[in-house]
Protein backbone atom coordinates (compact mmCIF):
# COMPACT_ATOMS: atom_id res chain seq x y z
CA MET A 1 0.06 -0.03 -0.08
CA LYS A 2 2.75 2.42 0.90
CA THR A 3 4.40 1.66 -2.40
CA LYS A 4 1.57 2.40 -4.30
CA LEU A 5 1.08 5.65 -2.53
CA LEU A 6 4.50 6.73 -3.16
CA VAL A 7 4.36 5.84 -6.82
CA ALA A 8 1.04 7.88 -7.19
CA MET A 9 2.45 10.92 -5.21
CA LEU A 10 6.02 11.14 -5.88
CA LEU A 11 8.15 12.32 -9.03
CA LEU A 12 11.94 11.55 -9.00
CA ILE A 13 14.00 13.92 -10.73
CA SER A 14 17.98 14.10 -11.16
CA LEU A 15 19.70 17.13 -10.54
CA ASN A 16 23.62 17.56 -10.36
CA GLY A 17 23.69 13.93 -9.21
CA VAL A 18 21.47 14.41 -6.25
CA ALA A 19 18.18 12.64 -6.13
CA GLN A 20 15.41 15.11 -5.46
CA ILE A 21 11.66 14.42 -4.90
CA LYS A 22 8.94 16.76 -5.98
CA LEU A 23 5.86 16.12 -3.79
CA ASN A 24 2.37 17.01 -5.18
CA PHE A 25 -0.15 15.39 -2.62
CA GLY A 26 -3.00 18.05 -3.21
CA LYS A 27 -3.78 21.65 -3.27
CA ASN A 28 -0.95 24.20 -2.86
CA THR A 29 -2.05 25.17 0.88
CA PRO A 30 0.20 25.75 4.15
CA MET A 31 -1.70 22.68 5.56
CA GLN A 32 -1.09 20.49 2.66
CA LYS A 33 2.67 21.66 2.79
CA LEU A 34 2.89 20.38 6.29
CA ILE A 35 1.27 17.09 5.34
CA ASN A 36 3.53 16.59 2.53
CA ALA A 37 6.70 17.15 4.78
CA GLU A 38 5.43 14.79 7.49
CA MET A 39 4.82 11.90 4.82
CA ALA A 40 8.06 12.50 3.06
CA ILE A 41 9.84 12.04 6.36
CA GLN A 42 7.93 8.99 7.61
CA SER A 43 8.29 7.36 4.13
CA LEU A 44 11.68 8.15 3.07
CA TYR A 45 14.08 9.00 5.99
CA VAL A 46 17.12 6.97 6.13
CA ASP A 47 16.36 5.75 9.86
CA SER A 48 12.95 4.80 11.38
CA VAL A 49 11.27 7.59 13.06
CA ASP A 50 8.63 7.99 15.87
CA GLU A 51 5.89 9.53 13.91
CA GLY A 52 3.72 10.72 17.09
CA LYS A 53 7.02 12.27 18.57
CA LEU A 54 7.60 13.94 15.07
CA VAL A 55 4.20 15.63 14.94
CA GLU A 56 4.42 16.57 18.63
CA GLU A 57 7.54 18.46 17.88
CA ALA A 58 6.05 20.06 14.83
CA ILE A 59 3.12 21.21 17.02
CA ARG A 60 5.38 22.62 19.56
CA GLY A 61 7.49 24.37 16.90
CA MET A 62 4.40 26.09 15.48
CA LEU A 63 3.14 27.33 18.87
CA LYS A 64 6.50 28.70 19.91
CA SER A 65 6.46 30.96 16.91
CA LEU A 66 3.20 32.51 18.46
CA ASP A 67 3.34 33.78 21.93
CA PRO A 68 4.90 32.69 25.36
CA HIS A 69 1.64 31.06 26.66
CA SER A 70 0.42 29.12 23.56
CA SER A 71 1.67 25.63 24.32
CA TYR A 72 1.23 21.77 23.73
CA SER A 73 0.80 19.16 26.35
CA THR A 74 1.11 15.35 26.35
CA LYS A 75 -1.70 13.35 27.74
CA GLU A 76 0.51 12.67 30.86
CA GLU A 77 1.36 16.23 31.13
CA VAL A 78 -2.33 17.18 30.76
CA LYS A 79 -3.29 14.83 33.83
CA ALA A 80 -0.62 16.51 35.86
CA LEU A 81 -1.63 19.93 35.04
CA GLN A 82 -5.25 19.62 35.63
CA GLU A 83 -5.23 17.87 39.10
CA PRO A 84 -4.45 21.08 41.24
CA LEU A 85 -7.13 23.01 39.23
CA ASN A 86 -9.60 20.23 39.06
CA GLY A 87 -9.87 20.26 42.89
CA ASN A 88 -9.23 16.24 43.46
CA PHE A 89 -7.22 13.30 42.42
CA GLU A 90 -7.58 9.69 43.55
CA GLY A 91 -5.19 8.13 45.97
CA ILE A 92 -4.88 7.26 49.59
CA GLY A 93 -4.80 10.97 51.01
CA VAL A 94 -1.66 11.63 52.86
CA GLU A 95 0.64 14.59 53.00
CA PHE A 96 4.00 13.36 53.03
CA ASN A 97 7.94 14.27 52.67
CA MET A 98 10.76 12.35 51.93
CA ILE A 99 13.53 11.62 54.70
CA GLU A 100 16.49 10.49 52.29
CA ASP A 101 14.77 7.67 50.58
CA THR A 102 11.84 6.94 52.92
CA LEU A 103 8.36 8.29 52.68
CA MET A 104 7.16 9.90 56.10
CA VAL A 105 3.58 10.80 56.55
CA ILE A 106 3.27 14.46 57.68
CA GLN A 107 -0.66 14.43 58.02
CA PRO A 108 -3.26 12.00 56.91
CA VAL A 109 -5.86 13.94 55.05
CA LEU A 110 -8.68 14.62 57.37
CA GLY A 111 -11.61 12.18 56.51
CA GLY A 112 -9.46 10.57 53.81
CA PRO A 113 -8.82 6.97 53.29
CA SER A 114 -5.64 6.65 54.90
CA GLU A 115 -7.10 8.24 58.12
CA LYS A 116 -10.02 5.85 58.19
CA ALA A 117 -7.72 2.91 57.61
CA GLY A 118 -5.61 3.99 60.76
CA ILE A 119 -2.60 5.59 59.26
CA LEU A 120 -0.93 8.31 61.48
CA ALA A 121 1.36 11.42 61.24
CA GLY A 122 4.69 10.18 61.69
CA ASP A 123 4.27 6.85 60.04
CA ARG A 124 6.82 5.74 57.48
CA ILE A 125 5.47 4.07 54.47
CA VAL A 126 7.97 1.48 53.52
CA SER A 127 6.08 -1.04 51.02
CA VAL A 128 3.03 -0.85 48.78
CA ASP A 129 1.32 -4.21 47.71
CA GLY A 130 4.24 -6.14 48.83
CA THR A 131 7.01 -4.05 47.03
CA PRO A 132 9.44 -2.19 49.09
CA ILE A 133 9.59 1.47 48.39
CA ALA A 134 12.01 2.67 51.09
CA GLY A 135 16.00 1.97 51.03
CA VAL A 136 15.63 0.98 47.13
CA LYS A 137 16.11 4.44 45.63
CA MET A 138 12.74 4.55 43.88
CA SER A 139 11.96 7.97 42.57
CA LYS A 140 9.40 10.09 44.15
CA GLU A 141 7.17 9.91 41.01
CA GLU A 142 7.18 6.11 40.91
CA ILE A 143 6.29 5.96 44.59
CA MET A 144 3.36 8.28 43.82
CA ARG A 145 2.30 6.21 40.88
CA ARG A 146 1.95 3.09 43.17
CA LEU A 147 0.05 4.85 45.84
CA ARG A 148 -2.48 6.56 43.42
CA GLY A 149 -5.00 4.68 41.60
CA PRO A 150 -8.86 4.55 40.71
CA LYS A 151 -11.36 5.23 43.46
CA GLY A 152 -12.57 2.12 45.09
CA THR A 153 -9.41 0.23 44.32
CA LYS A 154 -7.60 -1.28 47.36
CA VAL A 155 -3.88 -1.11 48.12
CA LYS A 156 -1.84 -2.76 50.98
CA ILE A 157 0.33 -0.43 52.81
CA GLY A 158 3.28 -1.48 54.79
CA VAL A 159 4.10 1.05 57.65
CA ILE A 160 6.88 1.53 60.33
CA ARG A 161 5.53 3.09 63.38
CA GLN A 162 7.66 4.51 66.42
CA GLY A 163 7.12 2.17 69.55
CA PHE A 164 6.61 -0.91 67.16
CA GLN A 165 9.45 -3.25 66.12
CA GLU A 166 7.57 -4.95 63.21
CA GLU A 167 6.00 -3.70 60.04
CA LEU A 168 2.47 -2.94 60.39
CA PHE A 169 0.08 -3.46 57.21
CA PHE A 170 -3.10 -1.28 56.39
CA THR A 171 -5.45 -1.96 53.61
CA VAL A 172 -6.43 1.35 52.11
CA THR A 173 -9.46 1.92 49.83
CA ARG A 174 -8.58 4.61 47.28
CA ASP A 175 -10.95 7.61 46.98
CA LYS A 176 -11.04 11.06 45.49
CA ILE A 177 -8.69 13.39 47.52
CA PRO A 178 -9.70 16.96 47.60
CA VAL A 179 -6.66 19.52 46.54
CA LYS A 180 -7.36 22.75 48.40
CA SER A 181 -6.74 26.00 46.63
CA ILE A 182 -6.77 28.23 49.53
CA THR A 183 -3.74 27.46 51.62
CA ALA A 184 -4.39 29.67 54.72
CA THR A 185 -7.30 31.18 56.44
CA TYR A 186 -6.95 32.82 59.99
CA MET A 187 -7.44 35.82 61.96
CA LEU A 188 -4.25 38.06 61.20
CA ARG A 189 -5.33 40.71 64.11
CA PRO A 190 -8.35 41.32 65.96
CA GLY A 191 -11.15 42.10 63.41
CA VAL A 192 -8.75 41.43 60.55
CA GLY A 193 -9.05 38.25 58.38
CA TYR A 194 -6.26 36.76 56.36
CA ILE A 195 -6.90 34.30 53.14
CA ARG A 196 -4.30 33.14 50.85
CA ILE A 197 -5.34 31.72 47.56
CA GLY A 198 -2.48 29.28 45.99
CA ASN A 199 -4.29 29.06 42.55
CA PHE A 200 -7.66 29.66 40.92
CA GLY A 201 -9.16 26.11 40.32
CA ALA A 202 -12.57 24.44 40.12
CA THR A 203 -13.24 24.57 43.97
CA THR A 204 -11.49 27.89 44.64
CA HIS A 205 -14.97 29.98 44.89
CA GLU A 206 -16.67 27.45 47.18
CA GLU A 207 -13.55 27.15 49.28
CA PHE A 208 -13.40 31.02 49.61
CA VAL A 209 -17.01 31.47 50.76
CA THR A 210 -16.28 28.98 53.44
CA SER A 211 -13.26 30.94 54.54
CA LEU A 212 -15.08 34.16 54.45
CA GLU A 213 -17.94 32.46 56.77
CA LYS A 214 -15.56 31.00 59.12
CA LEU A 215 -13.50 34.41 59.62
CA ARG A 216 -17.06 36.42 59.93
CA LYS A 217 -17.74 34.17 62.80
CA GLU A 218 -14.49 35.01 64.41
CA GLY A 219 -15.18 38.80 64.24
CA MET A 220 -13.58 39.86 60.77
CA GLN A 221 -14.29 43.20 59.67
CA SER A 222 -11.45 43.60 57.47
CA LEU A 223 -9.79 41.28 55.02
CA VAL A 224 -6.17 40.80 53.55
CA LEU A 225 -6.41 38.65 50.48
CA ASP A 226 -3.07 37.24 49.78
CA LEU A 227 -2.25 36.52 45.99
CA GLN A 228 1.58 36.42 46.35
CA GLU A 229 3.10 33.60 44.20
CA ASN A 230 -0.49 32.79 42.79
CA GLY A 231 0.17 31.74 39.17
CA GLY A 232 -3.34 31.86 38.04
CA GLY A 233 -5.79 29.23 36.99
CA TYR A 234 -9.39 29.38 35.77
CA MET A 235 -10.66 32.73 34.71
CA LYS A 236 -14.24 31.87 35.96
CA ALA A 237 -12.85 31.13 39.48
CA ALA A 238 -11.27 34.62 39.49
CA VAL A 239 -14.63 36.13 38.18
CA ASP A 240 -16.46 34.54 41.06
CA VAL A 241 -14.11 35.56 43.83
CA SER A 242 -14.01 39.19 42.47
CA ASN A 243 -17.90 39.21 42.48
CA GLU A 244 -17.98 38.60 46.23
CA PHE A 245 -16.50 42.21 46.55
CA LEU A 246 -18.01 44.20 43.98
CA GLN A 247 -21.38 46.08 43.34
CA SER A 248 -23.91 45.08 40.85
CA ARG A 249 -22.95 45.83 37.25
CA ASP A 250 -19.43 46.68 38.07
CA LEU A 251 -16.85 45.47 35.41
CA ILE A 252 -14.68 42.80 36.50
CA VAL A 253 -12.57 42.03 33.42
CA TYR A 254 -13.21 42.05 29.80
CA THR A 255 -11.39 40.00 26.98
CA ASP A 256 -10.88 41.10 23.36
CA GLY A 257 -9.62 39.05 20.54
CA ARG A 258 -11.66 38.16 17.71
CA GLU A 259 -14.57 39.25 19.67
CA ARG A 260 -15.12 40.99 22.95
CA SER A 261 -16.68 39.49 26.07
CA GLU A 262 -17.46 41.45 29.57
CA PHE A 263 -17.69 39.90 32.84
CA ARG A 264 -19.80 41.91 35.56
CA ALA A 265 -20.40 41.49 39.29
CA LYS A 266 -24.12 40.32 40.16
CA GLY A 267 -24.16 42.44 43.46
CA ASN A 268 -24.78 39.49 45.53
CA GLY A 269 -21.16 39.24 47.08
CA ARG A 270 -20.59 38.38 50.65
CA PHE A 271 -18.10 41.07 51.42
CA LEU A 272 -19.38 44.14 49.68
CA LYS A 273 -18.26 46.46 52.78
CA GLY A 274 -15.36 46.24 54.91
CA GLN A 275 -11.73 47.23 54.30
CA LEU A 276 -9.99 45.06 51.70
CA ILE A 277 -6.26 44.86 50.82
CA VAL A 278 -4.76 42.61 48.25
CA LEU A 279 -1.14 41.38 48.48
CA VAL A 280 0.88 40.71 45.20
CA ASP A 281 4.20 40.23 44.01
CA GLU A 282 6.15 39.42 40.89
CA TYR A 283 4.91 35.83 40.63
CA THR A 284 1.02 37.03 40.77
CA ALA A 285 -0.16 36.07 37.45
CA SER A 286 -3.21 35.67 35.18
CA ALA A 287 -6.43 34.89 37.01
CA ALA A 288 -4.90 36.60 40.14
CA GLU A 289 -4.23 39.63 38.22
CA ILE A 290 -7.76 39.63 37.24
CA VAL A 291 -8.90 39.92 40.68
CA THR A 292 -6.19 42.45 41.49
CA GLY A 293 -6.96 44.72 38.66
CA ALA A 294 -10.64 44.71 39.53
CA ILE A 295 -10.14 45.29 43.00
CA GLN A 296 -7.79 48.19 42.14
CA ASP A 297 -9.73 49.86 39.17
CA GLN A 298 -12.95 49.81 41.03
CA ASP A 299 -11.66 51.60 44.12
CA ARG A 300 -12.77 48.67 46.29
CA GLY A 301 -9.51 48.06 48.00
CA LEU A 302 -5.78 48.88 48.01
CA VAL A 303 -3.03 46.68 46.31
CA VAL A 304 0.27 46.11 48.37
CA GLY A 305 3.50 44.62 47.09
CA ARG A 306 5.46 44.55 43.78
CA ARG A 307 4.36 44.78 40.09
CA THR A 308 2.64 41.49 39.14
CA PHE A 309 3.96 39.11 36.40
CA GLY A 310 1.88 40.30 33.49
CA LYS A 311 0.20 37.46 32.16
CA GLY A 312 -2.91 38.85 30.22
CA LEU A 313 -3.24 36.47 27.47
CA VAL A 314 -6.36 34.05 27.43
CA GLN A 315 -5.87 30.44 26.47
CA ARG A 316 -8.60 28.15 25.22
CA GLN A 317 -7.95 24.38 25.71
CA ILE A 318 -8.26 22.22 22.71
CA SER A 319 -8.25 18.63 23.44
CA LEU A 320 -6.68 16.25 20.80
CA PRO A 321 -7.99 12.71 20.04
CA ASP A 322 -5.30 10.99 22.05
CA THR A 323 -6.26 13.27 25.07
CA SER A 324 -3.25 15.50 24.53
CA MET A 325 -4.00 19.05 24.37
CA ILE A 326 -3.15 22.52 22.86
CA ARG A 327 -3.61 25.57 24.87
CA LEU A 328 -4.07 28.23 22.39
CA THR A 329 -4.29 32.10 23.02
CA ILE A 330 -7.54 33.74 21.60
CA ALA A 331 -7.68 37.03 23.46
CA HIS A 332 -6.07 39.52 25.82
CA TYR A 333 -7.36 40.19 29.46
CA TYR A 334 -8.15 43.86 29.97
CA THR A 335 -8.83 45.26 33.76
CA PRO A 336 -12.06 47.45 34.39
CA ALA A 337 -10.26 50.92 33.48
CA GLY A 338 -8.86 49.60 30.02
CA ARG A 339 -5.38 48.47 30.89
CA CYS A 340 -4.05 45.46 29.09
CA ILE A 341 -2.46 43.09 31.67
CA GLN A 342 -0.07 41.37 29.21
CA LYS A 343 3.39 42.58 29.48
CA SER A 344 5.22 43.19 26.05
CA TYR A 345 7.06 40.04 24.35
CA VAL A 346 8.45 39.42 20.92
CA LYS A 347 6.97 36.56 19.00
CA GLY A 348 9.42 33.31 19.10
CA HIS A 349 11.71 34.81 21.77
CA GLY A 350 10.42 32.78 24.64
CA GLU A 351 13.82 32.91 26.38
CA ASP A 352 13.74 36.55 26.82
CA TYR A 353 10.33 36.50 28.16
CA ALA A 354 11.38 33.65 30.75
CA MET A 355 14.23 36.06 31.90
CA ASP A 356 11.90 39.00 32.77
CA ILE A 357 11.73 38.58 36.60
CA GLN A 358 15.49 38.05 36.75
CA ASN A 359 15.82 41.17 34.54
CA ARG A 360 13.58 43.21 37.02
CA LEU A 361 15.82 42.26 39.83
CA LEU A 362 18.97 43.39 37.87
CA HIS A 363 17.33 46.74 36.87
CA GLY A 364 16.32 47.56 40.63
CA GLU A 365 12.51 47.14 40.02
CA LEU A 366 12.18 44.70 42.83
CA THR A 367 14.04 46.55 45.35
CA ASN A 368 13.51 50.09 44.62
CA ALA A 369 10.25 51.76 43.60
CA ASP A 370 12.11 54.79 41.85
CA SER A 371 13.51 52.25 39.29
CA ILE A 372 10.07 51.94 37.86
CA HIS A 373 9.22 54.35 34.93
CA PHE A 374 5.85 54.45 33.10
CA ALA A 375 5.22 56.24 29.94
CA ASP A 376 2.55 58.93 29.95
CA SER A 377 0.71 56.90 27.29
CA LEU A 378 0.21 54.12 29.88
CA ARG A 379 -1.50 56.22 32.45
CA TYR A 380 -5.18 55.29 33.29
CA TYR A 381 -7.54 56.20 36.04
CA THR A 382 -9.59 54.20 38.51
CA LEU A 383 -13.20 54.53 37.94
CA ARG A 384 -14.46 55.95 41.23
CA LYS A 385 -11.81 58.12 42.81
CA HIS A 386 -9.98 58.62 39.50
CA ARG A 387 -6.52 57.58 40.93
CA THR A 388 -3.85 57.25 38.70
CA VAL A 389 -2.81 53.65 37.44
CA TYR A 390 -0.51 52.40 35.07
CA GLY A 391 -0.83 49.87 32.18
CA GLY A 392 2.17 48.22 30.18
CA GLY A 393 1.94 44.93 31.82
CA GLY A 394 1.17 43.64 35.29
CA ILE A 395 -0.63 45.51 37.99
CA MET A 396 1.32 48.07 39.88
CA PRO A 397 0.52 48.33 43.56
CA ASP A 398 -0.89 51.26 45.36
CA TYR A 399 1.93 50.69 48.12
CA PHE A 400 5.33 49.29 47.01
CA VAL A 401 7.09 47.03 49.30
CA PRO A 402 10.64 46.28 48.16
CA LEU A 403 11.97 42.70 47.89
CA ASP A 404 14.21 41.93 51.05
CA THR A 405 17.12 40.33 49.45
CA THR A 406 19.01 39.80 52.92
CA ILE A 407 16.23 37.53 54.54
CA TYR A 408 17.81 34.35 52.77
CA THR A 409 21.45 34.46 52.98
CA ARG A 410 23.63 32.60 50.81
CA TYR A 411 24.32 30.05 53.59
CA HIS A 412 20.61 29.63 54.12
CA ARG A 413 19.83 29.17 50.43
CA ALA A 414 22.30 26.47 50.36
CA LEU A 415 20.95 24.66 53.41
CA GLN A 416 17.57 24.74 51.89
CA ALA A 417 18.55 23.51 48.29
CA ARG A 418 20.13 20.50 49.98
CA ASN A 419 16.95 19.88 52.08
CA ILE A 420 18.99 19.95 55.29
CA VAL A 421 16.37 22.42 56.93
CA LEU A 422 13.25 20.25 56.02
CA ASN A 423 14.99 17.18 57.21
CA ALA A 424 16.04 18.47 60.39
CA ASN A 425 12.65 19.70 61.10
CA LEU A 426 10.85 16.29 60.01
CA ARG A 427 13.21 14.31 62.38
CA TYR A 428 12.70 16.81 65.36
CA VAL A 429 8.92 16.41 65.20
CA ASP A 430 9.33 12.81 64.45
CA ASP A 431 11.24 12.16 67.58
CA HIS A 432 9.16 14.59 69.70
CA ARG A 433 5.67 14.43 68.49
CA ARG A 434 4.15 12.98 71.81
CA GLU A 435 6.00 15.58 73.86
CA LEU A 436 4.79 18.54 71.51
CA THR A 437 1.23 17.55 71.33
CA GLY A 438 0.95 17.01 75.11
CA ARG A 439 2.70 20.28 75.96
CA TYR A 440 1.10 22.55 73.49
CA LYS A 441 -2.64 21.82 73.65
CA ASN A 442 -3.34 24.64 71.28
CA PHE A 443 -1.81 26.82 68.79
CA ALA A 444 -1.91 30.01 70.56
CA VAL A 445 0.32 28.63 73.55
CA PHE A 446 2.85 27.18 70.93
CA GLN A 447 2.98 30.53 69.07
CA ARG A 448 3.47 32.56 72.24
CA THR A 449 6.06 30.15 74.13
CA PHE A 450 7.84 27.70 71.48
CA GLU A 451 11.18 28.23 70.65
CA ILE A 452 13.18 26.00 68.49
CA PRO A 453 15.77 24.03 70.43
CA GLN A 454 19.51 24.74 69.81
CA SER A 455 20.15 21.06 69.30
CA VAL A 456 18.20 21.30 66.09
CA ILE A 457 20.15 24.48 64.99
CA ASP A 458 23.21 22.39 65.80
CA ILE A 459 22.14 19.60 63.67
CA VAL A 460 21.42 21.72 60.54
CA MET A 461 24.85 23.48 60.94
CA GLU A 462 26.52 20.12 61.35
CA GLU A 463 24.81 18.59 58.43
CA GLY A 464 25.81 21.39 56.35
CA GLU A 465 29.39 21.16 57.10
CA LYS A 466 29.38 17.60 56.04
CA LEU A 467 28.50 18.80 52.72
CA ASP A 468 30.98 21.81 53.04
CA ILE A 469 28.25 24.38 53.45
CA ARG A 470 29.23 26.99 55.92
CA PRO A 471 28.55 30.68 56.37
CA SER A 472 31.26 33.11 55.15
CA ASN A 473 31.44 35.10 58.40
CA ASP A 474 29.73 35.51 61.81
CA GLU A 475 27.57 38.32 60.32
CA GLU A 476 26.05 36.00 57.71
CA LEU A 477 25.70 33.29 60.53
CA GLN A 478 23.82 35.58 62.85
CA GLN A 479 21.64 37.04 60.09
CA THR A 480 20.81 33.29 58.95
CA LEU A 481 19.93 32.18 62.52
CA THR A 482 17.30 34.99 63.07
CA TYR A 483 15.17 33.60 60.01
CA LEU A 484 16.13 30.03 60.15
CA LYS A 485 14.74 29.73 63.75
CA LEU A 486 11.52 31.30 62.59
CA GLN A 487 11.28 29.17 59.68
CA LEU A 488 11.87 25.90 61.72
CA LYS A 489 9.20 27.12 64.15
CA ALA A 490 6.88 27.57 61.33
CA LEU A 491 7.39 24.07 59.81
CA VAL A 492 6.94 22.40 63.38
CA ALA A 493 3.70 24.39 63.60
CA ARG A 494 2.62 22.85 59.92
CA ASP A 495 3.40 19.63 60.90
CA LEU A 496 1.41 19.52 64.21
CA TRP A 497 -1.63 21.52 62.77
CA GLY A 498 -1.56 22.65 59.21
CA MET A 499 -0.83 25.49 56.84
CA ASP A 500 -2.81 28.21 58.52
CA GLU A 501 -0.58 27.93 61.54
CA TYR A 502 2.53 28.03 59.31
CA PHE A 503 1.48 31.29 57.73
CA ALA A 504 0.46 32.68 61.07
CA ILE A 505 3.97 32.52 62.17
CA MET A 506 5.90 33.18 58.73
CA ASN A 507 3.51 36.36 58.14
CA GLU A 508 4.82 37.98 61.09
CA SER A 509 8.11 38.38 59.44
CA SER A 510 6.60 39.22 55.86
CA PRO A 511 7.25 42.93 55.10
CA ILE A 512 4.15 42.79 52.66
CA VAL A 513 1.79 41.40 55.25
CA GLN A 514 3.08 43.81 57.91
CA GLU A 515 2.43 46.76 55.47
CA ALA A 516 -1.01 45.67 55.17
CA VAL A 517 -1.46 45.42 58.87
CA ARG A 518 -0.08 48.93 59.21
CA LEU A 519 -2.42 50.42 56.56
CA LEU A 520 -5.35 48.70 58.32
CA GLU A 521 -4.36 50.05 61.60
């Protein structure tokens, strides 16, 4: 069949002793040209080729020439990308970390299959269905593959638990495990609530409403909405969250491509009154910038932090027959005042675009507000108070907070990179869990009185020295110790309670959070 196809479609010509092939498979169109090239490679190339991989690379090449956010994902990549946004995955339901090559349970998911089966915080999972996963140099990805599986299937988990000499076995029935997009909800100060959104997924609005109701019961009158490091997600989730703050018919965002679409508030929000501050940084992007721009342009609240990332391109997901996916840019996001959120880029120059944050740091923008300059042509005005705001990519905050480059010293970063800090914390909590839970009956007592023992600091420094990681001088050491002790205390709180308590400790040293507190007070 292939021979007949070639006879019908190929005309062989000899030119200067070099064999040439003239292809004429159909009409002279760009699409036919692409088909011709693929068929020629598949049929005539000297070595065998993977046709699927060839087509994937062609798709990637086409998208690369368009813009920085049009992309292709394989079916495996699609699954990994969608889990955090879809709000669940199917598995056994444990939060864990790796100590060397052993999986240690930080917390079983509340009400999840592992908790129901009897697995406890501090347990070490050493086997799955009779196959050892500890001490065998198995990758984290492979371990997760073995633990995850379709809802309703059973898996036999082997566990080593303190106080027991032999391995304990639990049969866990896998189930849907919720993936939370809100990472912290607590009272930052009397009357001041704090909600941190990690991304905008399918369940974000529902989670946000739950967080609002919880804080209202605790006396919240003002809200700090933390969108730092929020890379975005679903536009609908961003619109729904924005709706909670804005009056009826207030414009939230509009998109402009081959046609224009507007999204407006319904007026049924749950926080239409009360002071509001939005926290942002250079990693706040996309859907998070929609919320930020709407709050700022409608004069609903203040924005504190640093200029946001500047991702204002709207992607449509196009599923392909093998469940792989193209994310194709179809429009631009605009804030209510008419600012295009997208920062400038040159088509086909993704490397320069990827270096933007590093370039901001080198140019001083992240550390000094005076280094930021906007052309008059980028001047816009908010819709109620007519305050000056600027376009040109990203959202510029009302109150700039410089990046503190001294918080993480070179020494601290090196310790972090080799997992020395995290491992020291895990071992400390593992060894003292019963003592800690007995002494600190609630988080308030812990936050007020707990200090990380010097012995843990000594272990961190000793482990660093084994890997030739040392402070360059005493000043760097002292500077490191201040933040290291705070970080370790927060990690202990996370392992004993959760992320609310982790951020309750870390935020007390955050310049951006503390600026919000100052403004509210």
